[in-house]
Protein backbone atom coordinates (compact mmCIF):
# COMPACT_ATOMS: atom_id res chain seq x y z
CA MET A 1 68.93 -50.21 -54.73
CA MET A 2 68.35 -46.88 -53.19
CA GLY A 3 69.08 -47.71 -49.72
CA PHE A 4 72.86 -48.44 -51.19
CA TRP A 5 72.74 -44.73 -52.54
CA ASP A 6 71.32 -43.23 -49.50
CA LYS A 7 74.06 -45.20 -47.07
CA ALA A 8 76.56 -43.60 -49.17
CA PHE A 9 75.46 -40.39 -48.96
CA ASP A 10 75.10 -40.46 -45.63
CA VAL A 11 78.55 -41.31 -45.28
CA ALA A 12 80.20 -38.97 -47.91
CA LYS A 13 78.06 -36.12 -45.89
CA ASN A 14 79.89 -37.57 -42.68
CA VAL A 15 83.26 -37.19 -44.00
CA GLY A 16 82.60 -33.96 -45.60
CA THR A 17 81.44 -32.91 -41.91
CA ALA A 18 84.34 -34.57 -40.78
CA VAL A 19 86.76 -33.10 -43.08
CA ALA A 20 84.99 -29.12 -42.30
CA SER A 21 85.62 -29.47 -38.78
CA GLU A 22 88.76 -30.24 -39.08
CA ILE A 23 89.82 -27.20 -41.37
CA GLU A 24 87.92 -24.88 -38.83
CA SER A 25 89.80 -26.05 -36.04
CA THR A 26 92.86 -26.25 -37.75
CA ALA A 27 91.54 -22.37 -38.73
CA ASN A 28 91.11 -21.59 -35.45
CA GLU A 29 94.36 -22.75 -34.06
CA LEU A 30 96.47 -20.66 -36.89
CA ARG A 31 94.55 -17.80 -36.03
CA GLU A 32 95.48 -18.48 -32.34
CA ILE A 33 99.04 -18.45 -33.21
CA LYS A 34 98.70 -15.35 -35.90
CA GLN A 35 97.28 -13.21 -32.55
CA LYS A 36 100.38 -14.47 -30.42
CA TYR A 37 102.95 -13.62 -33.05
CA GLU A 38 101.19 -10.02 -33.30
CA GLU A 39 101.01 -8.98 -29.83
CA MET A 40 104.89 -9.90 -29.51
CA SER A 41 107.84 -7.32 -29.70
CA ASP A 42 110.44 -7.47 -32.71
CA ASP A 43 113.31 -8.35 -29.77
CA GLU A 44 110.83 -11.39 -29.37
CA LEU A 45 110.47 -12.34 -32.65
CA LEU A 46 113.65 -12.19 -33.95
CA ARG A 47 114.36 -13.81 -30.24
CA ILE A 48 112.08 -16.87 -31.35
CA ILE A 49 113.73 -17.12 -34.76
CA LYS A 50 117.29 -17.28 -33.72
CA SER A 51 116.60 -20.11 -31.62
CA ASP A 52 116.28 -23.98 -32.38
CA GLY A 53 112.76 -24.32 -31.38
CA PHE A 54 111.34 -22.53 -34.34
CA TRP A 55 111.97 -24.90 -37.09
C-alpha cells in the first residue's frame, strides 16, 4: 500500500514543480513587459492605448 502513496506523492510533487515553473515563467514575462512600458515615453504609451492593438 505504501507504493501507492509513494507514487501519489511523486505525481503531486511533479505537478507542483510544473505549476511553479509556469508561474515563474509568467512572472518573468510580466516583468519584461513592465520594464518595456516603463522605458516608453508618455506619447508612445498614449499611441499604444489609442491603437486597436492594445485590447
